[in-house]
Amino acid sequence: TEHVEEPSYLRGDVDMDGKVGIADVTALIDYILSKDATGISLDAADVDLDGVISIADVTSLIDFILSGSWE
C-alpha cells in the first residue's frame, strides 16, 4: 500500500497557533493587504485550495468558522 503524507499544517490555521479561529481571519487579511508572510503559514492560508491566496480564502475561512465544515 502507498503511504500518503499528511499535510504538515492545519488548513485555515494561518497564524499557526494550533486552532482555526477569528485570529486566522485577521492574519489572512493582514497578509493580503501587506504581502508580509512573517509569522503565518502560506499553505494554511490557501483555504480554498486553488493555489492563490485572495479574498476568496477569507470568505472560505469565515464560512468554515461559522459552519465547522470545509464543504
N, C-alpha and C. Protein backbone atom coordinates (compact mmCIF):
# COMPACT_ATOMS: atom_id res chain seq x y z
N THR A 1 0.83 -1.19 0.00
CA THR A 1 0.00 0.00 0.00
C THR A 1 0.87 1.25 0.00
N GLU A 2 0.36 2.28 -0.63
CA GLU A 2 1.09 3.53 -0.75
C GLU A 2 0.83 4.40 0.47
N HIS A 3 1.91 4.96 1.03
CA HIS A 3 1.78 5.85 2.18
C HIS A 3 1.49 7.27 1.68
N VAL A 4 0.44 7.87 2.21
CA VAL A 4 0.08 9.23 1.84
C VAL A 4 0.51 10.15 2.97
N GLU A 5 1.32 11.14 2.64
CA GLU A 5 1.79 12.10 3.64
C GLU A 5 0.64 13.03 4.04
N GLU A 6 0.49 13.20 5.34
CA GLU A 6 -0.47 14.17 5.84
C GLU A 6 0.17 15.56 5.74
N PRO A 7 -0.63 16.59 5.49
CA PRO A 7 -0.05 17.93 5.43
C PRO A 7 0.61 18.29 6.76
N SER A 8 1.66 19.09 6.72
CA SER A 8 2.36 19.49 7.93
C SER A 8 1.76 20.77 8.52
N TYR A 9 0.55 21.10 8.12
CA TYR A 9 -0.13 22.30 8.61
C TYR A 9 -1.61 21.98 8.78
N LEU A 10 -2.29 22.78 9.57
CA LEU A 10 -3.73 22.67 9.76
C LEU A 10 -4.40 23.69 8.84
N ARG A 11 -5.20 23.19 7.93
CA ARG A 11 -5.89 24.06 6.97
C ARG A 11 -6.64 25.16 7.72
N GLY A 12 -6.36 26.39 7.35
CA GLY A 12 -7.03 27.54 7.96
C GLY A 12 -6.31 28.12 9.17
N ASP A 13 -5.32 27.40 9.71
CA ASP A 13 -4.57 27.89 10.87
C ASP A 13 -3.46 28.82 10.39
N VAL A 14 -3.88 29.96 9.88
CA VAL A 14 -2.97 30.91 9.24
C VAL A 14 -1.89 31.40 10.21
N ASP A 15 -2.28 31.68 11.46
CA ASP A 15 -1.32 32.21 12.43
C ASP A 15 -0.55 31.12 13.17
N MET A 16 -0.79 29.87 12.83
CA MET A 16 -0.05 28.72 13.34
C MET A 16 -0.11 28.58 14.86
N ASP A 17 -1.30 28.85 15.44
CA ASP A 17 -1.44 28.70 16.89
C ASP A 17 -2.09 27.36 17.28
N GLY A 18 -2.34 26.51 16.28
CA GLY A 18 -2.88 25.19 16.56
C GLY A 18 -4.39 25.09 16.51
N LYS A 19 -5.06 26.20 16.24
CA LYS A 19 -6.52 26.18 16.12
C LYS A 19 -6.96 27.16 15.04
N VAL A 20 -8.16 26.95 14.53
CA VAL A 20 -8.70 27.82 13.48
C VAL A 20 -9.76 28.71 14.10
N GLY A 21 -9.56 30.02 14.00
CA GLY A 21 -10.49 30.97 14.59
C GLY A 21 -10.38 32.34 13.95
N ILE A 22 -10.99 33.31 14.61
CA ILE A 22 -11.06 34.66 14.05
C ILE A 22 -9.68 35.30 13.92
N ALA A 23 -8.72 34.91 14.77
CA ALA A 23 -7.36 35.44 14.64
C ALA A 23 -6.75 35.05 13.31
N ASP A 24 -7.15 33.89 12.78
CA ASP A 24 -6.64 33.46 11.48
C ASP A 24 -7.22 34.33 10.36
N VAL A 25 -8.46 34.75 10.51
CA VAL A 25 -9.06 35.66 9.52
C VAL A 25 -8.28 36.96 9.50
N THR A 26 -7.99 37.49 10.69
CA THR A 26 -7.22 38.73 10.79
C THR A 26 -5.84 38.58 10.16
N ALA A 27 -5.15 37.47 10.48
CA ALA A 27 -3.81 37.24 9.92
C ALA A 27 -3.87 37.13 8.40
N LEU A 28 -4.91 36.47 7.89
CA LEU A 28 -5.05 36.31 6.45
C LEU A 28 -5.31 37.65 5.76
N ILE A 29 -6.18 38.46 6.33
CA ILE A 29 -6.44 39.79 5.76
C ILE A 29 -5.18 40.65 5.82
N ASP A 30 -4.46 40.59 6.95
CA ASP A 30 -3.21 41.35 7.05
C ASP A 30 -2.24 40.93 5.96
N TYR A 31 -2.14 39.62 5.70
CA TYR A 31 -1.23 39.15 4.65
C TYR A 31 -1.68 39.66 3.27
N ILE A 32 -2.96 39.57 2.98
CA ILE A 32 -3.47 40.00 1.67
C ILE A 32 -3.17 41.50 1.45
N LEU A 33 -3.32 42.29 2.50
CA LEU A 33 -3.09 43.73 2.37
C LEU A 33 -1.62 44.10 2.33
N SER A 34 -0.76 43.36 3.04
CA SER A 34 0.64 43.74 3.16
C SER A 34 1.60 42.87 2.35
N LYS A 35 1.19 41.64 2.02
CA LYS A 35 2.04 40.62 1.39
C LYS A 35 3.24 40.26 2.28
N ASP A 36 3.15 40.55 3.58
CA ASP A 36 4.19 40.18 4.54
C ASP A 36 3.79 38.86 5.20
N ALA A 37 4.51 37.81 4.89
CA ALA A 37 4.16 36.47 5.37
C ALA A 37 4.83 36.11 6.70
N THR A 38 5.43 37.09 7.35
CA THR A 38 6.09 36.85 8.63
C THR A 38 5.08 36.30 9.64
N GLY A 39 5.39 35.14 10.22
CA GLY A 39 4.56 34.58 11.27
C GLY A 39 3.31 33.84 10.83
N ILE A 40 3.17 33.61 9.53
CA ILE A 40 1.99 32.88 9.07
C ILE A 40 2.39 31.69 8.21
N SER A 41 1.43 30.79 8.02
CA SER A 41 1.63 29.65 7.12
C SER A 41 0.90 29.93 5.82
N LEU A 42 1.64 30.10 4.74
CA LEU A 42 1.01 30.34 3.44
C LEU A 42 0.25 29.12 2.97
N ASP A 43 0.74 27.91 3.30
CA ASP A 43 0.00 26.70 2.93
C ASP A 43 -1.37 26.69 3.60
N ALA A 44 -1.41 27.00 4.89
CA ALA A 44 -2.68 27.00 5.63
C ALA A 44 -3.59 28.14 5.17
N ALA A 45 -3.00 29.21 4.64
CA ALA A 45 -3.77 30.38 4.21
C ALA A 45 -4.57 30.14 2.94
N ASP A 46 -4.12 29.19 2.12
CA ASP A 46 -4.84 28.88 0.87
C ASP A 46 -5.98 27.91 1.19
N VAL A 47 -6.97 28.41 1.95
CA VAL A 47 -8.01 27.53 2.48
C VAL A 47 -8.95 26.97 1.42
N ASP A 48 -9.10 27.67 0.29
CA ASP A 48 -9.96 27.12 -0.76
C ASP A 48 -9.20 26.24 -1.75
N LEU A 49 -7.91 26.06 -1.48
CA LEU A 49 -7.06 25.11 -2.21
C LEU A 49 -6.97 25.37 -3.71
N ASP A 50 -7.03 26.65 -4.10
CA ASP A 50 -6.94 26.98 -5.53
C ASP A 50 -5.54 27.44 -5.94
N GLY A 51 -4.60 27.44 -4.99
CA GLY A 51 -3.23 27.83 -5.31
C GLY A 51 -2.97 29.31 -5.26
N VAL A 52 -3.98 30.10 -4.91
CA VAL A 52 -3.85 31.56 -4.84
C VAL A 52 -4.42 32.02 -3.50
N ILE A 53 -3.72 32.91 -2.84
CA ILE A 53 -4.24 33.47 -1.59
C ILE A 53 -4.92 34.79 -1.92
N SER A 54 -6.24 34.83 -1.66
CA SER A 54 -7.03 36.00 -2.04
C SER A 54 -8.20 36.17 -1.08
N ILE A 55 -9.03 37.14 -1.35
CA ILE A 55 -10.23 37.40 -0.54
C ILE A 55 -11.16 36.18 -0.53
N ALA A 56 -11.09 35.36 -1.56
CA ALA A 56 -11.91 34.13 -1.58
C ALA A 56 -11.52 33.20 -0.44
N ASP A 57 -10.25 33.21 -0.05
CA ASP A 57 -9.81 32.40 1.08
C ASP A 57 -10.39 32.95 2.38
N VAL A 58 -10.48 34.26 2.51
CA VAL A 58 -11.08 34.87 3.69
C VAL A 58 -12.53 34.42 3.80
N THR A 59 -13.26 34.47 2.70
CA THR A 59 -14.65 34.05 2.70
C THR A 59 -14.78 32.58 3.09
N SER A 60 -13.94 31.73 2.51
CA SER A 60 -13.97 30.30 2.83
C SER A 60 -13.64 30.05 4.30
N LEU A 61 -12.69 30.80 4.83
CA LEU A 61 -12.29 30.64 6.22
C LEU A 61 -13.42 31.06 7.16
N ILE A 62 -14.08 32.18 6.86
CA ILE A 62 -15.21 32.62 7.67
C ILE A 62 -16.34 31.59 7.60
N ASP A 63 -16.62 31.08 6.41
CA ASP A 63 -17.64 30.04 6.27
C ASP A 63 -17.32 28.82 7.12
N PHE A 64 -16.02 28.42 7.13
CA PHE A 64 -15.61 27.28 7.94
C PHE A 64 -15.82 27.56 9.42
N ILE A 65 -15.41 28.74 9.88
CA ILE A 65 -15.56 29.08 11.29
C ILE A 65 -17.03 29.06 11.70
N LEU A 66 -17.90 29.56 10.83
CA LEU A 66 -19.33 29.60 11.16
C LEU A 66 -20.01 28.23 11.06
N SER A 67 -19.58 27.39 10.12
CA SER A 67 -20.27 26.12 9.89
C SER A 67 -19.53 24.90 10.46
N GLY A 68 -18.21 25.02 10.62
CA GLY A 68 -17.43 23.88 11.10
C GLY A 68 -17.11 22.85 10.04
N SER A 69 -17.34 23.22 8.77
CA SER A 69 -17.11 22.27 7.67
C SER A 69 -16.49 23.01 6.49
N TRP A 70 -15.58 22.30 5.79
CA TRP A 70 -14.98 22.87 4.58
C TRP A 70 -15.86 22.66 3.36
N GLU A 71 -16.95 21.97 3.49
CA GLU A 71 -17.83 21.69 2.35
C GLU A 71 -18.80 22.81 2.10
